[in-house]
Structure formats: C-alpha cells, structure tokens
Protein backbone atom coordinates (compact mmCIF):
# COMPACT_ATOMS: atom_id res chain seq x y z
CA MET A 1 -17.96 3.49 29.73
CA LYS A 2 -18.10 0.48 27.43
CA LYS A 3 -15.35 0.06 24.85
CA MET A 4 -16.43 -0.34 21.25
CA THR A 5 -15.15 -3.43 19.52
CA GLY A 6 -15.10 -4.38 15.88
CA SER A 7 -12.92 -3.51 12.97
CA ARG A 8 -12.39 -0.75 10.46
CA LYS A 9 -10.45 -0.38 7.25
CA ALA A 10 -6.85 0.71 7.66
CA CYS A 11 -6.24 4.25 6.37
CA VAL A 12 -3.25 4.64 4.07
CA GLY A 13 -1.84 7.98 2.96
CA LEU A 14 -0.30 7.78 -0.50
CA LEU A 15 2.14 10.59 -1.29
CA HIS A 16 2.91 10.01 -4.97
CA GLU A 17 2.10 12.07 -8.03
CA GLU A 18 2.74 9.70 -10.93
CA ALA A 19 0.42 7.34 -12.78
CA ALA A 20 1.97 4.35 -11.00
CA GLY A 21 0.77 5.84 -7.70
CA ARG A 22 -2.79 5.96 -9.04
CA GLU A 23 -2.50 2.34 -10.12
CA LEU A 24 -1.22 1.39 -6.66
CA ALA A 25 -4.10 3.29 -5.01
CA GLY A 26 -6.63 1.25 -6.97
CA ARG A 27 -4.97 -2.01 -6.04
CA LEU A 28 -4.76 -1.04 -2.36
CA GLU A 29 -8.47 -0.23 -2.35
CA ALA A 30 -9.17 -3.62 -3.94
CA GLU A 31 -7.22 -5.19 -1.05
CA GLY A 32 -9.56 -3.50 1.44
CA TYR A 33 -7.59 -0.39 2.45
CA ASP A 34 -9.00 3.14 2.62
CA VAL A 35 -6.52 5.05 0.48
CA PHE A 36 -6.01 8.80 0.62
CA PRO A 37 -3.83 9.91 -2.31
CA VAL A 38 -2.24 13.32 -1.88
CA GLU A 39 0.26 15.29 -3.92
CA PRO A 40 3.24 17.03 -2.32
CA GLY A 41 2.37 20.41 -0.83
CA PRO A 42 0.24 21.96 1.91
CA ALA A 43 -2.49 19.29 1.75
CA ALA A 44 0.09 16.54 2.37
CA GLU A 45 1.56 18.49 5.27
CA MET A 46 -1.89 18.95 6.83
CA MET A 47 -2.65 15.24 6.50
CA MET A 48 0.62 14.33 8.19
CA ALA A 49 0.00 16.84 10.98
CA ALA A 50 -3.49 15.40 11.57
CA ASN A 51 -1.86 11.98 12.12
CA ALA A 52 -5.03 10.14 11.06
CA MET A 53 -3.39 7.58 8.77
CA ASP A 54 -2.38 4.09 9.89
CA ALA A 55 0.41 3.99 7.30
CA TRP A 56 2.08 6.17 4.71
CA LEU A 57 3.43 5.13 1.33
CA PHE A 58 5.51 7.85 -0.30
CA ASP A 59 7.61 8.52 -3.36
CA ALA A 60 11.18 7.97 -2.16
CA ARG A 61 12.32 10.96 -4.23
CA LEU A 62 10.34 13.24 -1.89
CA GLY A 63 13.02 13.23 0.79
CA GLU A 64 11.87 16.56 2.20
CA TYR A 65 8.86 14.77 3.72
CA VAL A 66 10.76 12.03 5.57
CA ASP A 67 11.04 13.92 8.88
CA ALA A 68 7.34 14.80 8.88
CA LEU A 69 6.43 11.19 8.05
CA LEU A 70 8.67 9.85 10.81
CA ALA A 71 7.02 12.25 13.25
CA THR A 72 3.66 10.56 12.63
CA ASP A 73 5.04 7.42 14.32
CA ARG A 74 3.17 5.34 11.73
CA PHE A 75 4.40 2.67 9.37
CA ILE A 76 6.06 4.37 6.39
CA LEU A 77 7.06 2.67 3.17
CA PRO A 78 9.15 4.50 0.57
CA LEU A 79 8.18 3.78 -3.02
CA ASP A 80 11.25 3.51 -5.19
CA ASN A 81 12.03 2.04 -8.58
CA THR A 82 8.64 3.22 -9.82
CA PRO A 83 7.93 1.55 -13.17
CA ALA A 84 6.37 3.31 -16.14
CA LEU A 85 2.63 2.68 -16.23
CA GLY A 86 2.70 1.03 -19.64
CA THR A 87 4.84 -1.88 -18.42
CA GLY A 88 2.06 -4.27 -17.33
CA ALA A 89 4.08 -7.04 -15.69
CA GLU A 90 6.48 -4.61 -14.02
CA ILE A 91 3.74 -2.46 -12.51
CA HIS A 92 1.87 -5.57 -11.35
CA ASP A 93 4.96 -6.96 -9.63
CA TRP A 94 5.83 -3.54 -8.14
CA CYS A 95 2.32 -3.13 -6.70
CA GLU A 96 2.17 -6.70 -5.40
CA GLY A 97 5.52 -6.36 -3.63
CA LEU A 98 4.44 -3.14 -1.93
CA ILE A 99 1.07 -4.58 -0.94
CA ARG A 100 2.80 -7.59 0.64
CA GLN A 101 5.06 -5.32 2.68
CA LEU A 102 2.16 -3.14 3.77
CA ARG A 103 -0.05 -6.12 4.65
CA ASP A 104 2.73 -7.55 6.85
CA ALA A 105 2.91 -4.30 8.83
CA VAL A 106 -0.67 -2.99 8.68
CA PRO A 107 -3.49 -5.39 7.81
CA PRO A 108 -6.39 -4.04 5.72
CA ALA A 109 -8.78 -4.40 8.68
CA ILE A 110 -7.81 -3.00 12.07
CA THR A 111 -9.50 -4.40 15.14
CA ALA A 112 -10.74 -1.76 17.56
CA GLY A 113 -11.17 -2.45 21.23
C-alpha cells in the first residue's frame, strides 16, 4: 500500500473561555492553524479523549484538565497572564509570544508521509 505524502494544517485545541482566547484563535487561524475553541466541560473532555489535536493551548487556571491534557501526549501550552481584551498592545504581545512558542513546537503545516 502506497503512503500518502503532503501536508495538512496542524489542529490546535483551545481551551479558554475569555475574549482573549477568541482573539488568540483568530490570530492562530491567520498563522495557518486549524483552531478548535472549546469551553470547559463535556465537549472539552470528549475532544481530549478523541486525541485528534496536534497541540492544546489551555487557560492555566483550569488545572483540573492538566492530567487529561497530559494523557493526550501532545504539545500543551498553558495560557497565563491573560490580558484584558481592550489593551491592544498587551493582547498583541501576549498572542505573538504564544504563537512563537507554538510554532517552535508544532508548525502550522504538518508533513504527512
């Protein structure tokens, strides 16, 4: 059987329920990631159990999800020091720093094959 080669967008689960998380999701999509925002609860637990994400970014205050995220054996990045959405420069810098960290671990395009 022939292996398929090529690339696909990296899938990123985003477990964050504040406006800053929505801003980050938009910026990640602009960088070329497929972003799947989810709020804490059963839907988040199902997504983690499915283990279909290449990386997880999560609100660091949601400590009850750390064990489940670690069990996915994927790159996880806690989001802390979340700025208020109205602070333009702060939110920009916060998003850019997180995107740099994610890009270093999981590039936007994943090569298959």
